[in-house]
PDB file of all heavy atoms in Angstrom:
ATOM      1  N   THR A   1       4.199 -16.008 -10.789  1.00  0.00           N
ATOM      2  CA  THR A   1       3.109 -16.803 -10.204  1.00  0.00           C
ATOM      3  C   THR A   1       2.787 -16.324  -8.793  1.00  0.00           C
ATOM      4  O   THR A   1       1.613 -16.150  -8.437  1.00  0.00           O
ATOM      5  CB  THR A   1       3.515 -18.281 -10.168  1.00  0.00           C
ATOM      6  OG1 THR A   1       4.810 -18.406  -9.563  1.00  0.00           O
ATOM      7  CG2 THR A   1       3.558 -18.866 -11.561  1.00  0.00           C
ATOM      8  N   VAL A   2       3.810 -16.098  -7.980  1.00  0.00           N
ATOM      9  CA  VAL A   2       3.582 -15.622  -6.614  1.00  0.00           C
ATOM     10  C   VAL A   2       3.097 -14.180  -6.627  1.00  0.00           C
ATOM     11  O   VAL A   2       2.247 -13.788  -5.817  1.00  0.00           O
ATOM     12  CB  VAL A   2       4.871 -15.763  -5.779  1.00  0.00           C
ATOM     13  CG1 VAL A   2       4.664 -15.226  -4.366  1.00  0.00           C
ATOM     14  CG2 VAL A   2       5.299 -17.220  -5.720  1.00  0.00           C
ATOM     15  N   GLY A   3       3.620 -13.381  -7.553  1.00  0.00           N
ATOM     16  CA  GLY A   3       3.180 -12.000  -7.640  1.00  0.00           C
ATOM     17  C   GLY A   3       1.706 -11.881  -7.980  1.00  0.00           C
ATOM     18  O   GLY A   3       0.972 -11.084  -7.364  1.00  0.00           O
ATOM     19  N   ILE A   4       1.252 -12.676  -8.937  1.00  0.00           N
ATOM     20  CA  ILE A   4      -0.173 -12.652  -9.290  1.00  0.00           C
ATOM     21  C   ILE A   4      -1.013 -13.157  -8.123  1.00  0.00           C
ATOM     22  O   ILE A   4      -2.107 -12.639  -7.854  1.00  0.00           O
ATOM     23  CB  ILE A   4      -0.409 -13.492 -10.561  1.00  0.00           C
ATOM     24  CG1 ILE A   4       0.214 -12.792 -11.772  1.00  0.00           C
ATOM     25  CG2 ILE A   4      -1.897 -13.719 -10.800  1.00  0.00           C
ATOM     26  CD1 ILE A   4       0.095 -13.575 -13.055  1.00  0.00           C
ATOM     27  N   GLY A   5      -0.508 -14.167  -7.413  1.00  0.00           N
ATOM     28  CA  GLY A   5      -1.217 -14.638  -6.221  1.00  0.00           C
ATOM     29  C   GLY A   5      -1.316 -13.564  -5.159  1.00  0.00           C
ATOM     30  O   GLY A   5      -2.340 -13.456  -4.460  1.00  0.00           O
ATOM     31  N   LEU A   6      -0.274 -12.744  -5.010  1.00  0.00           N
ATOM     32  CA  LEU A   6      -0.309 -11.620  -4.064  1.00  0.00           C
ATOM     33  C   LEU A   6      -1.366 -10.614  -4.470  1.00  0.00           C
ATOM     34  O   LEU A   6      -2.137 -10.131  -3.622  1.00  0.00           O
ATOM     35  CB  LEU A   6       1.069 -10.966  -4.004  1.00  0.00           C
ATOM     36  CG  LEU A   6       1.203  -9.720  -3.120  1.00  0.00           C
ATOM     37  CD1 LEU A   6       0.976 -10.078  -1.664  1.00  0.00           C
ATOM     38  CD2 LEU A   6       2.583  -9.086  -3.299  1.00  0.00           C
ATOM     39  N   TRP A   7      -1.404 -10.285  -5.749  1.00  0.00           N
ATOM     40  CA  TRP A   7      -2.442  -9.374  -6.240  1.00  0.00           C
ATOM     41  C   TRP A   7      -3.843  -9.938  -6.008  1.00  0.00           C
ATOM     42  O   TRP A   7      -4.760  -9.208  -5.633  1.00  0.00           O
ATOM     43  CB  TRP A   7      -2.242  -9.112  -7.731  1.00  0.00           C
ATOM     44  CG  TRP A   7      -1.193  -8.102  -8.031  1.00  0.00           C
ATOM     45  CD1 TRP A   7      -0.599  -7.244  -7.152  1.00  0.00           C
ATOM     46  CD2 TRP A   7      -0.625  -7.821  -9.307  1.00  0.00           C
ATOM     47  NE1 TRP A   7       0.319  -6.462  -7.801  1.00  0.00           N
ATOM     48  CE2 TRP A   7       0.324  -6.781  -9.114  1.00  0.00           C
ATOM     49  CE3 TRP A   7      -0.805  -8.341 -10.577  1.00  0.00           C
ATOM     50  CZ2 TRP A   7       1.074  -6.259 -10.163  1.00  0.00           C
ATOM     51  CZ3 TRP A   7      -0.059  -7.818 -11.619  1.00  0.00           C
ATOM     52  CH2 TRP A   7       0.865  -6.785 -11.419  1.00  0.00           C
ATOM     53  N   GLN A   8      -4.008 -11.223  -6.250  1.00  0.00           N
ATOM     54  CA  GLN A   8      -5.314 -11.846  -6.078  1.00  0.00           C
ATOM     55  C   GLN A   8      -5.766 -11.757  -4.618  1.00  0.00           C
ATOM     56  O   GLN A   8      -6.944 -11.496  -4.330  1.00  0.00           O
ATOM     57  CB  GLN A   8      -5.277 -13.302  -6.529  1.00  0.00           C
ATOM     58  CG  GLN A   8      -6.628 -13.985  -6.495  1.00  0.00           C
ATOM     59  CD  GLN A   8      -6.567 -15.408  -7.039  1.00  0.00           C
ATOM     60  OE1 GLN A   8      -5.499 -15.895  -7.412  1.00  0.00           O
ATOM     61  NE2 GLN A   8      -7.694 -16.072  -7.075  1.00  0.00           N
ATOM     62  N   GLY A   9      -4.824 -11.991  -3.701  1.00  0.00           N
ATOM     63  CA  GLY A   9      -5.172 -11.868  -2.290  1.00  0.00           C
ATOM     64  C   GLY A   9      -5.588 -10.455  -1.924  1.00  0.00           C
ATOM     65  O   GLY A   9      -6.527 -10.252  -1.151  1.00  0.00           O
ATOM     66  N   GLN A  10      -4.889  -9.462  -2.484  1.00  0.00           N
ATOM     67  CA  GLN A  10      -5.250  -8.077  -2.216  1.00  0.00           C
ATOM     68  C   GLN A  10      -6.601  -7.725  -2.815  1.00  0.00           C
ATOM     69  O   GLN A  10      -7.400  -6.997  -2.204  1.00  0.00           O
ATOM     70  CB  GLN A  10      -4.164  -7.141  -2.764  1.00  0.00           C
ATOM     71  CG  GLN A  10      -2.824  -7.267  -2.062  1.00  0.00           C
ATOM     72  CD  GLN A  10      -1.750  -6.404  -2.694  1.00  0.00           C
ATOM     73  OE1 GLN A  10      -1.984  -5.782  -3.736  1.00  0.00           O
ATOM     74  NE2 GLN A  10      -0.577  -6.374  -2.089  1.00  0.00           N
ATOM     75  N   ALA A  11      -6.884  -8.241  -4.017  1.00  0.00           N
ATOM     76  CA  ALA A  11      -8.157  -7.938  -4.660  1.00  0.00           C
ATOM     77  C   ALA A  11      -9.321  -8.580  -3.923  1.00  0.00           C
ATOM     78  O   ALA A  11     -10.399  -7.992  -3.804  1.00  0.00           O
ATOM     79  CB  ALA A  11      -8.123  -8.412  -6.113  1.00  0.00           C
ATOM     80  N   MET A  12      -9.103  -9.802  -3.414  1.00  0.00           N
ATOM     81  CA  MET A  12     -10.185 -10.503  -2.715  1.00  0.00           C
ATOM     82  C   MET A  12     -10.450  -9.936  -1.335  1.00  0.00           C
ATOM     83  O   MET A  12     -11.502 -10.189  -0.747  1.00  0.00           O
ATOM     84  CB  MET A  12      -9.840 -11.993  -2.598  1.00  0.00           C
ATOM     85  CG  MET A  12      -9.801 -12.721  -3.941  1.00  0.00           C
ATOM     86  SD  MET A  12      -9.414 -14.475  -3.781  1.00  0.00           S
ATOM     87  CE  MET A  12     -10.866 -15.058  -2.902  1.00  0.00           C
ATOM     88  N   SER A  13      -9.498  -9.172  -0.804  1.00  0.00           N
ATOM     89  CA  SER A  13      -9.711  -8.567   0.514  1.00  0.00           C
ATOM     90  C   SER A  13     -10.520  -7.278   0.438  1.00  0.00           C
ATOM     91  O   SER A  13     -10.682  -6.604   1.455  1.00  0.00           O
ATOM     92  CB  SER A  13      -8.359  -8.293   1.181  1.00  0.00           C
ATOM     93  OG  SER A  13      -7.614  -7.340   0.430  1.00  0.00           O
ATOM     94  N   ASN A  14     -10.975  -6.936  -0.799  1.00  0.00           N
ATOM     95  CA  ASN A  14     -11.832  -5.772  -1.020  1.00  0.00           C
ATOM     96  C   ASN A  14     -11.159  -4.464  -0.614  1.00  0.00           C
ATOM     97  O   ASN A  14     -11.805  -3.554  -0.105  1.00  0.00           O
ATOM     98  CB  ASN A  14     -13.161  -5.920  -0.261  1.00  0.00           C
ATOM     99  CG  ASN A  14     -13.988  -7.070  -0.783  1.00  0.00           C
ATOM    100  OD1 ASN A  14     -14.033  -7.312  -1.986  1.00  0.00           O
ATOM    101  ND2 ASN A  14     -14.657  -7.785   0.122  1.00  0.00           N
ATOM    102  N   ASN A  15      -9.851  -4.410  -0.820  1.00  0.00           N
ATOM    103  CA  ASN A  15      -9.172  -3.143  -0.567  1.00  0.00           C
ATOM    104  C   ASN A  15      -9.508  -2.154  -1.671  1.00  0.00           C
ATOM    105  O   ASN A  15     -10.073  -2.495  -2.709  1.00  0.00           O
ATOM    106  CB  ASN A  15      -7.654  -3.350  -0.498  1.00  0.00           C
ATOM    107  CG  ASN A  15      -7.267  -4.149   0.728  1.00  0.00           C
ATOM    108  OD1 ASN A  15      -7.959  -4.106   1.739  1.00  0.00           O
ATOM    109  ND2 ASN A  15      -6.159  -4.866   0.641  1.00  0.00           N
ATOM    110  N   SER A  16      -9.153  -0.911  -1.468  1.00  0.00           N
ATOM    111  CA  SER A  16      -9.395   0.099  -2.498  1.00  0.00           C
ATOM    112  C   SER A  16      -8.571  -0.218  -3.731  1.00  0.00           C
ATOM    113  O   SER A  16      -7.410  -0.600  -3.637  1.00  0.00           O
ATOM    114  CB  SER A  16      -9.014   1.492  -1.958  1.00  0.00           C
ATOM    115  OG  SER A  16      -7.657   1.529  -1.561  1.00  0.00           O
ATOM    116  N   GLY A  17      -9.172  -0.046  -4.870  1.00  0.00           N
ATOM    117  CA  GLY A  17      -8.489  -0.352  -6.117  1.00  0.00           C
ATOM    118  C   GLY A  17      -8.565  -1.806  -6.494  1.00  0.00           C
ATOM    119  O   GLY A  17      -7.830  -2.252  -7.377  1.00  0.00           O
ATOM    120  N   GLY A  18      -9.455  -2.575  -5.838  1.00  0.00           N
ATOM    121  CA  GLY A  18      -9.558  -3.997  -6.142  1.00  0.00           C
ATOM    122  C   GLY A  18      -9.984  -4.257  -7.571  1.00  0.00           C
ATOM    123  O   GLY A  18      -9.543  -5.222  -8.201  1.00  0.00           O
ATOM    124  N   GLU A  19     -10.850  -3.370  -8.103  1.00  0.00           N
ATOM    125  CA  GLU A  19     -11.299  -3.569  -9.484  1.00  0.00           C
ATOM    126  C   GLU A  19     -10.133  -3.460 -10.452  1.00  0.00           C
ATOM    127  O   GLU A  19     -10.033  -4.222 -11.420  1.00  0.00           O
ATOM    128  CB  GLU A  19     -12.381  -2.539  -9.833  1.00  0.00           C
ATOM    129  CG  GLU A  19     -13.664  -2.665  -9.016  1.00  0.00           C
ATOM    130  CD  GLU A  19     -13.542  -2.042  -7.630  1.00  0.00           C
ATOM    131  OE1 GLU A  19     -12.468  -1.460  -7.354  1.00  0.00           O
ATOM    132  OE2 GLU A  19     -14.488  -2.140  -6.845  1.00  0.00           O
ATOM    133  N   ASN A  20      -9.235  -2.510 -10.222  1.00  0.00           N
ATOM    134  CA  ASN A  20      -8.078  -2.363 -11.094  1.00  0.00           C
ATOM    135  C   ASN A  20      -7.139  -3.558 -10.973  1.00  0.00           C
ATOM    136  O   ASN A  20      -6.507  -3.975 -11.949  1.00  0.00           O
ATOM    137  CB  ASN A  20      -7.321  -1.076 -10.747  1.00  0.00           C
ATOM    138  CG  ASN A  20      -8.146   0.181 -11.017  1.00  0.00           C
ATOM    139  OD1 ASN A  20      -8.983   0.190 -11.921  1.00  0.00           O
ATOM    140  ND2 ASN A  20      -7.911   1.211 -10.229  1.00  0.00           N
ATOM    141  N   LEU A  21      -7.038  -4.116  -9.769  1.00  0.00           N
ATOM    142  CA  LEU A  21      -6.164  -5.268  -9.570  1.00  0.00           C
ATOM    143  C   LEU A  21      -6.644  -6.472 -10.362  1.00  0.00           C
ATOM    144  O   LEU A  21      -5.839  -7.242 -10.883  1.00  0.00           O
ATOM    145  CB  LEU A  21      -6.077  -5.617  -8.078  1.00  0.00           C
ATOM    146  CG  LEU A  21      -5.075  -4.815  -7.251  1.00  0.00           C
ATOM    147  CD1 LEU A  21      -5.122  -5.243  -5.793  1.00  0.00           C
ATOM    148  CD2 LEU A  21      -3.665  -4.993  -7.795  1.00  0.00           C
ATOM    149  N   TRP A  22      -7.947  -6.680 -10.451  1.00  0.00           N
ATOM    150  CA  TRP A  22      -8.453  -7.830 -11.214  1.00  0.00           C
ATOM    151  C   TRP A  22      -8.074  -7.717 -12.683  1.00  0.00           C
ATOM    152  O   TRP A  22      -7.773  -8.709 -13.337  1.00  0.00           O
ATOM    153  CB  TRP A  22      -9.974  -7.951 -11.067  1.00  0.00           C
ATOM    154  CG  TRP A  22     -10.401  -8.563  -9.769  1.00  0.00           C
ATOM    155  CD1 TRP A  22     -11.095  -7.965  -8.763  1.00  0.00           C
ATOM    156  CD2 TRP A  22     -10.132  -9.897  -9.328  1.00  0.00           C
ATOM    157  NE1 TRP A  22     -11.286  -8.845  -7.725  1.00  0.00           N
ATOM    158  CE2 TRP A  22     -10.704 -10.039  -8.043  1.00  0.00           C
ATOM    159  CE3 TRP A  22      -9.458 -10.979  -9.881  1.00  0.00           C
ATOM    160  CZ2 TRP A  22     -10.633 -11.217  -7.315  1.00  0.00           C
ATOM    161  CZ3 TRP A  22      -9.378 -12.159  -9.163  1.00  0.00           C
ATOM    162  CH2 TRP A  22      -9.955 -12.281  -7.899  1.00  0.00           C
ATOM    163  N   GLY A  23      -8.085  -6.486 -13.208  1.00  0.00           N
ATOM    164  CA  GLY A  23      -7.628  -6.304 -14.585  1.00  0.00           C
ATOM    165  C   GLY A  23      -6.160  -6.647 -14.740  1.00  0.00           C
ATOM    166  O   GLY A  23      -5.745  -7.284 -15.723  1.00  0.00           O
ATOM    167  N   LEU A  24      -5.331  -6.257 -13.752  1.00  0.00           N
ATOM    168  CA  LEU A  24      -3.915  -6.614 -13.786  1.00  0.00           C
ATOM    169  C   LEU A  24      -3.711  -8.118 -13.654  1.00  0.00           C
ATOM    170  O   LEU A  24      -2.825  -8.700 -14.294  1.00  0.00           O
ATOM    171  CB  LEU A  24      -3.175  -5.886 -12.656  1.00  0.00           C
ATOM    172  CG  LEU A  24      -2.991  -4.381 -12.801  1.00  0.00           C
ATOM    173  CD1 LEU A  24      -2.364  -3.801 -11.538  1.00  0.00           C
ATOM    174  CD2 LEU A  24      -2.128  -4.064 -14.012  1.00  0.00           C
ATOM    175  N   ILE A  25      -4.522  -8.758 -12.822  1.00  0.00           N
ATOM    176  CA  ILE A  25      -4.395 -10.205 -12.625  1.00  0.00           C
ATOM    177  C   ILE A  25      -4.690 -10.949 -13.917  1.00  0.00           C
ATOM    178  O   ILE A  25      -3.957 -11.865 -14.314  1.00  0.00           O
ATOM    179  CB  ILE A  25      -5.337 -10.666 -11.494  1.00  0.00           C
ATOM    180  CG1 ILE A  25      -4.859 -10.117 -10.147  1.00  0.00           C
ATOM    181  CG2 ILE A  25      -5.419 -12.192 -11.445  1.00  0.00           C
ATOM    182  CD1 ILE A  25      -5.859 -10.294  -9.033  1.00  0.00           C
ATOM    183  N   ILE A  26      -5.768 -10.570 -14.584  1.00  0.00           N
ATOM    184  CA  ILE A  26      -6.132 -11.243 -15.836  1.00  0.00           C
ATOM    185  C   ILE A  26      -5.066 -11.008 -16.910  1.00  0.00           C
ATOM    186  O   ILE A  26      -4.639 -11.934 -17.609  1.00  0.00           O
ATOM    187  CB  ILE A  26      -7.512 -10.747 -16.323  1.00  0.00           C
ATOM    188  CG1 ILE A  26      -8.586 -11.154 -15.319  1.00  0.00           C
ATOM    189  CG2 ILE A  26      -7.830 -11.308 -17.695  1.00  0.00           C
ATOM    190  CD1 ILE A  26      -9.949 -10.571 -15.606  1.00  0.00           C
ATOM    191  N   THR A  27      -4.607  -9.768 -17.016  1.00  0.00           N
ATOM    192  CA  THR A  27      -3.561  -9.461 -17.995  1.00  0.00           C
ATOM    193  C   THR A  27      -2.262 -10.184 -17.669  1.00  0.00           C
ATOM    194  O   THR A  27      -1.598 -10.751 -18.550  1.00  0.00           O
ATOM    195  CB  THR A  27      -3.315  -7.945 -18.055  1.00  0.00           C
ATOM    196  OG1 THR A  27      -4.554  -7.273 -18.317  1.00  0.00           O
ATOM    197  CG2 THR A  27      -2.313  -7.606 -19.141  1.00  0.00           C
ATOM    198  N   GLY A  28      -1.893 -10.175 -16.392  1.00  0.00           N
ATOM    199  CA  GLY A  28      -0.671 -10.850 -15.985  1.00  0.00           C
ATOM    200  C   GLY A  28      -0.720 -12.348 -16.220  1.00  0.00           C
ATOM    201  O   GLY A  28       0.272 -12.967 -16.612  1.00  0.00           O
ATOM    202  N   SER A  29      -1.889 -12.949 -15.997  1.00  0.00           N
ATOM    203  CA  SER A  29      -2.038 -14.385 -16.242  1.00  0.00           C
ATOM    204  C   SER A  29      -1.865 -14.704 -17.720  1.00  0.00           C
ATOM    205  O   SER A  29      -1.249 -15.716 -18.081  1.00  0.00           O
ATOM    206  CB  SER A  29      -3.417 -14.853 -15.760  1.00  0.00           C
ATOM    207  OG  SER A  29      -3.575 -14.613 -14.376  1.00  0.00           O
ATOM    208  N   LEU A  30      -2.400 -13.833 -18.577  1.00  0.00           N
ATOM    209  CA  LEU A  30      -2.240 -14.032 -20.020  1.00  0.00           C
ATOM    210  C   LEU A  30      -0.777 -13.887 -20.423  1.00  0.00           C
ATOM    211  O   LEU A  30      -0.241 -14.716 -21.172  1.00  0.00           O
ATOM    212  CB  LEU A  30      -3.107 -13.034 -20.778  1.00  0.00           C
ATOM    213  CG  LEU A  30      -2.944 -13.021 -22.311  1.00  0.00           C
ATOM    214  CD1 LEU A  30      -3.351 -14.368 -22.897  1.00  0.00           C
ATOM    215  CD2 LEU A  30      -3.769 -11.901 -22.931  1.00  0.00           C
ATOM    216  N   VAL A  31      -0.119 -12.849 -19.914  1.00  0.00           N
ATOM    217  CA  VAL A  31       1.286 -12.618 -20.260  1.00  0.00           C
ATOM    218  C   VAL A  31       2.161 -13.761 -19.766  1.00  0.00           C
ATOM    219  O   VAL A  31       3.125 -14.160 -20.425  1.00  0.00           O
ATOM    220  CB  VAL A  31       1.752 -11.267 -19.677  1.00  0.00           C
ATOM    221  CG1 VAL A  31       3.262 -11.100 -19.836  1.00  0.00           C
ATOM    222  CG2 VAL A  31       1.028 -10.109 -20.356  1.00  0.00           C
ATOM    223  N   SER A  32       1.814 -14.351 -18.618  1.00  0.00           N
ATOM    224  CA  SER A  32       2.664 -15.376 -18.022  1.00  0.00           C
ATOM    225  C   SER A  32       2.695 -16.669 -18.822  1.00  0.00           C
ATOM    226  O   SER A  32       3.647 -17.449 -18.689  1.00  0.00           O
ATOM    227  CB  SER A  32       2.193 -15.672 -16.593  1.00  0.00           C
ATOM    228  OG  SER A  32       0.913 -16.288 -16.598  1.00  0.00           O
ATOM    229  N   ILE A  33       1.661 -16.930 -19.645  1.00  0.00           N
ATOM    230  CA  ILE A  33       1.659 -18.171 -20.417  1.00  0.00           C
ATOM    231  C   ILE A  33       2.269 -18.002 -21.800  1.00  0.00           C
ATOM    232  O   ILE A  33       2.578 -18.992 -22.471  1.00  0.00           O
ATOM    233  CB  ILE A  33       0.227 -18.744 -20.564  1.00  0.00           C
ATOM    234  CG1 ILE A  33      -0.634 -17.816 -21.412  1.00  0.00           C
ATOM    235  CG2 ILE A  33      -0.396 -18.975 -19.209  1.00  0.00           C
ATOM    236  CD1 ILE A  33      -1.997 -18.401 -21.749  1.00  0.00           C
TER     237      ILE A  33
END
């Protein structure tokens, strides 16, 4: 849960690779449930 939140913060800060992070966030959220 905290790891996905960390990724979300990085993706929302518009860092490089943010598009790839959103894919990881969605996949990670699915795996976590």
